[in-house]
Amino acid sequence: MMPHELTIIFEKGDSGWWVATIPEVPGAVSQGRTKTEARQMVLDALRELMAVRRETALRERGEASDVESIPLTG
């Protein structure tokens, strides 16, 4: 069964900013001056990354393919 949660890892960068990554989703990385800002920024990055990947997949899918959307809650 797929987990219903994602992990955010926060690390203090050399510049003093917090770097936030979501290890379950390659490419979901961002940073912020505070952990709260880094959390919001990485969640925004996740949404944008998912939208781009969805658009690419739909554009490149085969003619005979079916598409289904599923919620990630619950």
C-alpha atoms as a PDB file:
ATOM      1  CA  MET A   1       0.000   0.000   0.000  1.00  0.00           C
ATOM      2  CA  MET A   2       1.248   3.470  -0.858  1.00  0.00           C
ATOM      3  CA  PRO A   3       2.033   5.704   2.134  1.00  0.00           C
ATOM      4  CA  HIS A   4      -0.290   8.677   2.667  1.00  0.00           C
ATOM      5  CA  GLU A   5       2.474  11.032   3.713  1.00  0.00           C
ATOM      6  CA  LEU A   6       5.676  12.529   2.419  1.00  0.00           C
ATOM      7  CA  THR A   7       8.856  13.387   4.278  1.00  0.00           C
ATOM      8  CA  ILE A   8      10.543  16.790   4.332  1.00  0.00           C
ATOM      9  CA  ILE A   9      14.209  16.833   5.321  1.00  0.00           C
ATOM     10  CA  PHE A  10      15.563  20.189   6.520  1.00  0.00           C
ATOM     11  CA  GLU A  11      19.271  20.932   6.480  1.00  0.00           C
ATOM     12  CA  LYS A  12      21.043  24.165   7.327  1.00  0.00           C
ATOM     13  CA  GLY A  13      22.909  25.364   4.233  1.00  0.00           C
ATOM     14  CA  ASP A  14      26.310  27.080   4.160  1.00  0.00           C
ATOM     15  CA  SER A  15      24.611  30.446   3.612  1.00  0.00           C
ATOM     16  CA  GLY A  16      22.521  30.008   6.779  1.00  0.00           C
ATOM     17  CA  TRP A  17      19.323  29.295   4.845  1.00  0.00           C
ATOM     18  CA  TRP A  18      17.323  26.094   5.385  1.00  0.00           C
ATOM     19  CA  VAL A  19      17.355  23.637   2.483  1.00  0.00           C
ATOM     20  CA  ALA A  20      14.251  21.440   2.300  1.00  0.00           C
ATOM     21  CA  THR A  21      13.947  18.256   0.231  1.00  0.00           C
ATOM     22  CA  ILE A  22      11.198  15.689  -0.246  1.00  0.00           C
ATOM     23  CA  PRO A  23      13.140  12.440  -0.764  1.00  0.00           C
ATOM     24  CA  GLU A  24      10.167  10.504  -2.152  1.00  0.00           C
ATOM     25  CA  VAL A  25       9.954  12.940  -5.095  1.00  0.00           C
ATOM     26  CA  PRO A  26      13.238  13.508  -6.959  1.00  0.00           C
ATOM     27  CA  GLY A  27      13.668  17.177  -7.792  1.00  0.00           C
ATOM     28  CA  ALA A  28      11.451  18.484  -4.971  1.00  0.00           C
ATOM     29  CA  VAL A  29      14.018  20.805  -3.377  1.00  0.00           C
ATOM     30  CA  SER A  30      13.844  24.396  -2.186  1.00  0.00           C
ATOM     31  CA  GLN A  31      15.130  26.704   0.526  1.00  0.00           C
ATOM     32  CA  GLY A  32      14.065  29.474   2.863  1.00  0.00           C
ATOM     33  CA  ARG A  33      15.414  31.806   5.504  1.00  0.00           C
ATOM     34  CA  THR A  34      13.421  29.875   8.142  1.00  0.00           C
ATOM     35  CA  LYS A  35      12.219  26.277   8.364  1.00  0.00           C
ATOM     36  CA  THR A  36       8.640  27.509   7.953  1.00  0.00           C
ATOM     37  CA  GLU A  37       9.543  29.396   4.775  1.00  0.00           C
ATOM     38  CA  ALA A  38      11.551  26.415   3.473  1.00  0.00           C
ATOM     39  CA  ARG A  39       8.551  24.103   4.125  1.00  0.00           C
ATOM     40  CA  GLN A  40       6.212  26.371   2.152  1.00  0.00           C
ATOM     41  CA  MET A  41       8.711  26.781  -0.674  1.00  0.00           C
ATOM     42  CA  VAL A  42       9.334  23.029  -1.030  1.00  0.00           C
ATOM     43  CA  LEU A  43       5.589  22.333  -1.027  1.00  0.00           C
ATOM     44  CA  ASP A  44       5.174  24.953  -3.767  1.00  0.00           C
ATOM     45  CA  ALA A  45       8.033  23.287  -5.675  1.00  0.00           C
ATOM     46  CA  LEU A  46       6.306  19.901  -5.259  1.00  0.00           C
ATOM     47  CA  ARG A  47       3.038  21.251  -6.692  1.00  0.00           C
ATOM     48  CA  GLU A  48       4.823  22.818  -9.663  1.00  0.00           C
ATOM     49  CA  LEU A  49       6.924  19.716 -10.289  1.00  0.00           C
ATOM     50  CA  MET A  50       3.852  17.480 -10.245  1.00  0.00           C
ATOM     51  CA  ALA A  51       1.993  19.816 -12.634  1.00  0.00           C
ATOM     52  CA  VAL A  52       4.880  19.833 -15.125  1.00  0.00           C
ATOM     53  CA  ARG A  53       5.323  16.061 -14.941  1.00  0.00           C
ATOM     54  CA  ARG A  54       1.555  15.544 -15.378  1.00  0.00           C
ATOM     55  CA  GLU A  55       1.427  17.836 -18.415  1.00  0.00           C
ATOM     56  CA  THR A  56       4.448  16.106 -19.967  1.00  0.00           C
ATOM     57  CA  ALA A  57       3.028  12.629 -19.362  1.00  0.00           C
ATOM     58  CA  LEU A  58      -0.361  13.572 -20.830  1.00  0.00           C
ATOM     59  CA  ARG A  59       1.254  15.157 -23.868  1.00  0.00           C
ATOM     60  CA  GLU A  60       3.516  12.138 -24.503  1.00  0.00           C
ATOM     61  CA  ARG A  61       1.028   9.346 -23.719  1.00  0.00           C
ATOM     62  CA  GLY A  62       0.039   6.797 -26.314  1.00  0.00           C
ATOM     63  CA  GLU A  63      -3.220   7.137 -28.232  1.00  0.00           C
ATOM     64  CA  ALA A  64      -4.629   3.928 -26.762  1.00  0.00           C
ATOM     65  CA  SER A  65      -3.906   4.918 -23.150  1.00  0.00           C
ATOM     66  CA  ASP A  66      -6.496   5.675 -20.484  1.00  0.00           C
ATOM     67  CA  VAL A  67      -6.083   8.365 -17.841  1.00  0.00           C
ATOM     68  CA  GLU A  68      -7.325   8.265 -14.243  1.00  0.00           C
ATOM     69  CA  SER A  69      -6.845  10.858 -11.503  1.00  0.00           C
ATOM     70  CA  ILE A  70      -6.619   9.713  -7.893  1.00  0.00           C
ATOM     71  CA  PRO A  71      -6.605  11.712  -4.666  1.00  0.00           C
ATOM     72  CA  LEU A  72      -3.618  11.282  -2.341  1.00  0.00           C
ATOM     73  CA  THR A  73      -5.633  11.802   0.836  1.00  0.00           C
ATOM     74  CA  GLY A  74      -7.262   9.246   3.078  1.00  0.00           C
END
